[in-house]
């Protein structure tokens, strides 16, 4: 594992196959099915879409830092919020405090092998600010536009690192990740922040227009299930629509450095007053 820090710093991402066992994968899937079965009726029926950014006008999204909340795909709901597809394929993701509030997701997130990865990356006092189960269901799993995670979780001087776990084989057909290798060396291109204008319906705004990225600069990263992909907060990456008949579920969370590092007060995700992000090394 000692090569991972160098690879992350040179390429912007690291692929570690076989990180999760079959048992761990099944536990996460079964727990997710349980969460769906226990989902509050309608659960606000909020759509998550990186193209239209509908969630930027939604308090249900903005206030999800310390809760487990449910977000739908664009094509899953009609204008009145009624389901247009089978409930089992309607969700885009569940987030953003799975790592804290759900015992199964918490066990993996704070496992010794995750802590070892953070240690190998040089984290001194890491914390997890957010987590998500991403469904990417067949036929409806939407595109995620090219972006940097630092747009949304900005810290300085050190940057966030994403931990992305493939819970099924991720292929080009079902929407695997694509990376622009080395793009993390070019700084943060824009940021998504809380709107200082409290009278606006737009709760979140971008500090600059969306950059244009050439697709020829990206490399696909198809991986077998059980793989962990480490994602530098500034590397540009995206995923396409799931055009297959197979889902591409993933569990992901982000890690930030707390020692001599500042998590921006402008970031969309903020804990309620008096709360702190869970420390990775100090939490079981």
Protein backbone atom coordinates (compact mmCIF):
# COMPACT_ATOMS: atom_id res chain seq x y z
CA UNK A 1 0.00 0.00 0.00
CA UNK A 2 2.95 2.33 0.34
CA UNK A 3 2.73 3.36 -3.29
CA UNK A 4 -0.73 4.87 -2.95
CA UNK A 5 0.33 8.34 -1.77
CA UNK A 6 2.75 8.75 -4.68
CA UNK A 7 0.19 7.50 -7.19
CA UNK A 8 -2.52 9.81 -5.82
CA UNK A 9 -0.16 12.77 -6.03
CA UNK A 10 1.01 11.93 -9.57
CA UNK A 11 -2.23 10.72 -11.21
CA UNK A 12 -5.00 12.11 -8.99
CA UNK A 13 -6.59 8.71 -8.37
CA UNK A 14 -5.63 5.22 -7.19
CA UNK A 15 -7.35 1.90 -7.97
CA UNK A 16 -7.16 -0.79 -5.27
CA UNK A 17 -8.87 -3.97 -6.39
CA UNK A 18 -10.19 -6.54 -3.92
CA UNK A 19 -10.49 -4.08 -1.03
CA UNK A 20 -13.96 -5.24 0.03
CA UNK A 21 -14.88 -8.85 0.71
CA UNK A 22 -17.97 -10.45 -0.79
CA UNK A 23 -19.48 -10.50 2.71
CA UNK A 24 -18.91 -6.76 3.20
CA UNK A 25 -20.46 -6.00 -0.18
CA UNK A 26 -23.56 -8.05 0.60
CA UNK A 27 -23.94 -6.46 4.03
CA UNK A 28 -23.96 -2.97 2.48
CA UNK A 29 -26.47 -3.99 -0.19
CA UNK A 30 -28.79 -5.69 2.28
CA UNK A 31 -28.66 -2.71 4.61
CA UNK A 32 -29.49 -0.40 1.71
CA UNK A 33 -32.53 -2.53 0.84
CA UNK A 34 -33.59 -2.23 4.47
CA UNK A 35 -33.19 1.56 4.32
CA UNK A 36 -35.37 1.69 1.20
CA UNK A 37 -38.06 -0.42 2.88
CA UNK A 38 -37.99 1.89 5.91
CA UNK A 39 -37.93 5.09 3.84
CA UNK A 40 -40.42 7.71 5.07
CA UNK A 41 -43.45 8.01 2.79
CA UNK A 42 -42.56 10.23 -0.19
CA UNK A 43 -39.44 11.39 1.72
CA UNK A 44 -39.78 14.87 0.19
CA UNK A 45 -39.31 13.28 -3.27
CA UNK A 46 -36.29 15.47 -3.97
CA UNK A 47 -34.44 15.04 -7.29
CA UNK A 48 -30.64 15.05 -7.40
CA UNK A 49 -29.19 16.07 -10.75
CA UNK A 50 -25.69 17.44 -11.43
CA UNK A 51 -26.77 19.00 -14.75
CA UNK A 52 -29.84 21.00 -13.66
CA UNK A 53 -28.69 21.30 -9.99
CA UNK A 54 -32.30 21.22 -8.77
CA UNK A 55 -31.05 20.35 -5.28
CA UNK A 56 -29.47 23.82 -5.03
CA UNK A 57 -32.94 25.20 -4.25
CA UNK A 58 -33.90 22.54 -1.73
CA UNK A 59 -33.54 22.76 2.05
CA UNK A 60 -34.10 19.00 2.29
CA UNK A 61 -30.72 18.60 0.54
CA UNK A 62 -29.00 21.50 2.29
CA UNK A 63 -29.91 20.22 5.76
CA UNK A 64 -28.87 16.60 5.21
CA UNK A 65 -25.40 16.74 6.80
CA UNK A 66 -26.46 14.94 9.99
CA UNK A 67 -29.29 12.85 8.56
CA UNK A 68 -29.99 9.94 6.24
CA UNK A 69 -32.00 11.31 3.33
CA UNK A 70 -33.21 10.02 -0.02
CA UNK A 71 -32.73 11.63 -3.44
CA UNK A 72 -34.41 10.58 -6.68
CA UNK A 73 -33.37 10.39 -10.32
CA UNK A 74 -34.73 13.04 -12.69
CA UNK A 75 -36.81 10.58 -14.71
CA UNK A 76 -38.32 8.90 -11.67
CA UNK A 77 -40.90 11.57 -10.73
CA UNK A 78 -43.63 13.55 -12.43
CA UNK A 79 -44.09 17.30 -11.67
CA UNK A 80 -46.33 16.44 -8.70
CA UNK A 81 -43.72 14.12 -7.20
CA UNK A 82 -45.46 10.87 -8.11
CA UNK A 83 -43.29 7.91 -9.01
CA UNK A 84 -43.06 7.08 -12.71
CA UNK A 85 -40.87 3.98 -12.27
CA UNK A 86 -40.52 1.03 -9.92
CA UNK A 87 -39.54 2.33 -6.45
CA UNK A 88 -36.56 -0.06 -6.42
CA UNK A 89 -34.87 1.81 -9.29
CA UNK A 90 -36.13 5.34 -8.57
CA UNK A 91 -33.40 6.56 -6.24
CA UNK A 92 -30.24 8.41 -7.26
CA UNK A 93 -28.59 8.22 -3.85
CA UNK A 94 -28.99 8.04 -0.07
CA UNK A 95 -26.87 10.45 2.02
CA UNK A 96 -25.18 12.17 3.78
CA UNK A 97 -24.60 10.74 7.29
CA UNK A 98 -24.68 7.00 6.58
CA UNK A 99 -21.16 6.70 8.02
CA UNK A 100 -22.36 8.10 11.34
CA UNK A 101 -25.96 6.99 11.80
CA UNK A 102 -26.13 3.54 10.22
CA UNK A 103 -24.19 0.78 12.04
CA UNK A 104 -23.38 -1.26 8.91
CA UNK A 105 -22.00 1.68 6.93
CA UNK A 106 -20.28 3.01 10.05
CA UNK A 107 -18.47 -0.31 10.59
CA UNK A 108 -16.86 -0.14 7.14
CA UNK A 109 -16.21 3.60 7.18
CA UNK A 110 -14.24 3.40 10.42
CA UNK A 111 -12.68 -0.01 9.83
CA UNK A 112 -9.02 -0.61 10.49
CA UNK A 113 -8.27 -1.10 6.79
CA UNK A 114 -9.80 2.29 5.94
CA UNK A 115 -7.75 3.88 8.72
CA UNK A 116 -4.63 2.23 7.32
CA UNK A 117 -5.27 3.78 3.90
CA UNK A 118 -5.66 7.21 5.49
CA UNK A 119 -2.43 6.67 7.41
CA UNK A 120 -0.59 5.67 4.22
CA UNK A 121 -1.90 8.85 2.58
CA UNK A 122 -0.32 10.89 5.37
CA UNK A 123 -3.45 12.02 7.20
CA UNK A 124 -2.68 13.04 10.79
CA UNK A 125 -6.18 13.76 12.11
CA UNK A 126 -8.66 12.77 9.38
CA UNK A 127 -12.43 13.15 9.63
CA UNK A 128 -15.36 12.07 7.46
CA UNK A 129 -17.72 14.95 6.58
CA UNK A 130 -20.18 13.05 4.36
CA UNK A 131 -21.11 9.69 2.86
CA UNK A 132 -23.45 8.44 0.12
CA UNK A 133 -24.83 5.25 -1.38
CA UNK A 134 -25.09 5.87 -5.12
CA UNK A 135 -27.44 3.60 -7.08
CA UNK A 136 -26.76 4.29 -10.79
CA UNK A 137 -29.69 2.05 -11.70
CA UNK A 138 -30.06 0.58 -15.22
CA UNK A 139 -31.68 2.82 -17.79
CA UNK A 140 -32.31 5.66 -15.35
CA UNK A 141 -28.97 6.16 -13.60
CA UNK A 142 -28.07 9.67 -14.74
CA UNK A 143 -24.91 11.35 -15.93
CA UNK A 144 -22.58 13.00 -13.41
CA UNK A 145 -20.90 15.94 -15.11
CA UNK A 146 -17.11 16.45 -15.08
CA UNK A 147 -16.28 18.00 -11.72
CA UNK A 148 -13.79 18.21 -8.87
CA UNK A 149 -14.91 17.13 -5.40
CA UNK A 150 -13.26 20.30 -4.09
CA UNK A 151 -16.04 22.30 -5.77
CA UNK A 152 -18.31 21.04 -3.01
CA UNK A 153 -16.00 20.16 -0.10
CA UNK A 154 -13.30 22.83 -0.12
CA UNK A 155 -10.53 22.71 2.47
CA UNK A 156 -7.18 24.44 2.67
CA UNK A 157 -4.28 24.06 2.47
CA UNK A 158 -4.79 20.28 2.11
CA UNK A 159 -7.56 18.79 0.02
CA UNK A 160 -10.32 16.27 0.44
CA UNK A 161 -9.86 12.65 -0.67
CA UNK A 162 -12.80 10.54 -1.85
CA UNK A 163 -13.11 6.84 -0.98
CA UNK A 164 -15.28 5.18 -3.67
CA UNK A 165 -16.22 1.52 -3.31
CA UNK A 166 -17.61 -0.47 -6.27
CA UNK A 167 -20.41 -2.76 -5.07
CA UNK A 168 -20.86 -4.31 -8.52
CA UNK A 169 -18.57 -4.45 -11.53
CA UNK A 170 -18.29 -0.92 -12.90
CA UNK A 171 -18.10 -1.02 -16.70
CA UNK A 172 -18.13 1.51 -19.51
CA UNK A 173 -21.68 0.39 -20.32
CA UNK A 174 -23.11 0.85 -16.82
CA UNK A 175 -21.40 4.14 -16.01
CA UNK A 176 -17.93 3.60 -14.56
CA UNK A 177 -15.82 6.58 -13.50
CA UNK A 178 -13.67 8.49 -15.98
CA UNK A 179 -10.63 10.51 -14.87
CA UNK A 180 -8.50 13.26 -16.37
CA UNK A 181 -5.14 12.02 -15.12
CA UNK A 182 -3.02 14.77 -13.60
CA UNK A 183 -5.80 17.38 -13.71
CA UNK A 184 -5.60 17.80 -9.93
CA UNK A 185 -2.44 19.84 -10.42
CA UNK A 186 -4.33 22.73 -12.00
CA UNK A 187 -6.06 24.14 -8.91
CA UNK A 188 -9.76 24.34 -8.06
CA UNK A 189 -11.66 25.53 -11.13
CA UNK A 190 -14.79 26.80 -9.38
CA UNK A 191 -16.73 26.28 -6.16
CA UNK A 192 -20.30 25.54 -5.12
CA UNK A 193 -21.06 27.65 -2.04
CA UNK A 194 -23.96 28.69 0.15
CA UNK A 195 -25.60 31.75 -1.33
CA UNK A 196 -24.83 34.84 0.81
CA UNK A 197 -28.04 36.42 -0.58
CA UNK A 198 -30.59 35.02 1.88
CA UNK A 199 -33.49 36.48 -0.11
CA UNK A 200 -32.72 34.30 -3.14
CA UNK A 201 -34.45 31.02 -3.97
CA UNK A 202 -31.03 29.69 -4.97
CA UNK A 203 -29.64 28.31 -1.72
CA UNK A 204 -26.39 27.30 -3.40
CA UNK A 205 -24.50 29.09 -6.16
CA UNK A 206 -21.38 28.49 -8.24
CA UNK A 207 -18.53 30.98 -8.17
CA UNK A 208 -17.87 30.59 -11.93
CA UNK A 209 -19.48 29.02 -15.01
CA UNK A 210 -18.95 25.32 -15.64
CA UNK A 211 -15.54 24.71 -17.22
CA UNK A 212 -15.30 22.95 -20.56
CA UNK A 213 -13.27 19.74 -20.53
CA UNK A 214 -12.19 17.76 -23.59
CA UNK A 215 -13.39 14.17 -23.35
CA UNK A 216 -10.23 13.01 -25.11
CA UNK A 217 -8.32 13.94 -21.94
CA UNK A 218 -10.23 11.38 -19.85
CA UNK A 219 -9.46 7.72 -19.20
CA UNK A 220 -12.15 5.21 -18.27
CA UNK A 221 -11.70 3.31 -15.00
CA UNK A 222 -13.75 0.12 -15.25
CA UNK A 223 -13.22 -1.95 -12.10
CA UNK A 224 -14.49 -5.22 -10.59
CA UNK A 225 -16.78 -5.13 -7.59
CA UNK A 226 -14.97 -4.81 -4.29
CA UNK A 227 -12.55 -2.23 -5.70
CA UNK A 228 -11.71 0.95 -3.79
CA UNK A 229 -10.88 4.02 -5.87
CA UNK A 230 -9.18 6.88 -4.06
CA UNK A 231 -10.03 10.25 -5.63
CA UNK A 232 -7.95 13.41 -5.12
CA UNK A 233 -10.23 16.35 -4.36
CA UNK A 234 -8.98 18.29 -7.39
CA UNK A 235 -8.91 15.56 -10.05
CA UNK A 236 -11.59 16.08 -12.70
CA UNK A 237 -13.83 13.05 -13.13
CA UNK A 238 -17.30 12.11 -14.37
CA UNK A 239 -19.59 9.17 -15.10
CA UNK A 240 -21.99 8.63 -17.98
CA UNK A 241 -25.59 7.46 -18.02
CA UNK A 242 -26.08 3.78 -17.18
CA UNK A 243 -27.00 2.38 -20.60
CA UNK A 244 -26.89 -1.25 -19.51
CA UNK A 245 -29.32 -3.60 -17.82
CA UNK A 246 -27.08 -3.90 -14.76
CA UNK A 247 -26.88 -1.48 -11.80
CA UNK A 248 -23.64 0.22 -10.82
CA UNK A 249 -24.04 0.79 -7.08
CA UNK A 250 -21.24 2.39 -5.08
CA UNK A 251 -20.65 3.52 -1.53
CA UNK A 252 -18.54 6.63 -1.15
CA UNK A 253 -17.37 8.98 1.56
CA UNK A 254 -14.85 11.79 1.80
CA UNK A 255 -11.97 12.32 4.18
CA UNK A 256 -10.56 15.70 5.22
CA UNK A 257 -7.55 16.67 7.33
CA UNK A 258 -8.38 18.46 10.57
CA UNK A 259 -4.85 19.28 11.76
CA UNK A 260 -3.69 22.69 10.54
CA UNK A 261 -6.39 22.61 7.88
CA UNK A 262 -9.61 24.59 7.45
CA UNK A 263 -12.96 23.30 6.21
CA UNK A 264 -14.63 26.21 4.44
CA UNK A 265 -17.66 27.82 6.08
CA UNK A 266 -18.96 28.51 2.55
CA UNK A 267 -19.27 24.80 1.67
CA UNK A 268 -22.80 23.50 1.14
CA UNK A 269 -22.41 20.82 3.81
CA UNK A 270 -22.35 22.27 7.31
CA UNK A 271 -23.10 20.52 10.57
CA UNK A 272 -25.53 22.09 13.05
CA UNK A 273 -23.92 24.35 15.63
CA UNK A 274 -22.04 22.43 18.30
CA UNK A 275 -21.52 19.31 16.14
CA UNK A 276 -18.19 18.10 14.77
CA UNK A 277 -17.22 15.71 11.99
CA UNK A 278 -16.31 12.26 13.31
CA UNK A 279 -12.57 11.72 13.59
CA UNK A 280 -11.51 8.68 11.57
CA UNK A 281 -8.74 7.51 13.91
CA UNK A 282 -10.73 8.11 17.10
CA UNK A 283 -14.05 6.54 16.11
CA UNK A 284 -15.02 2.87 16.17
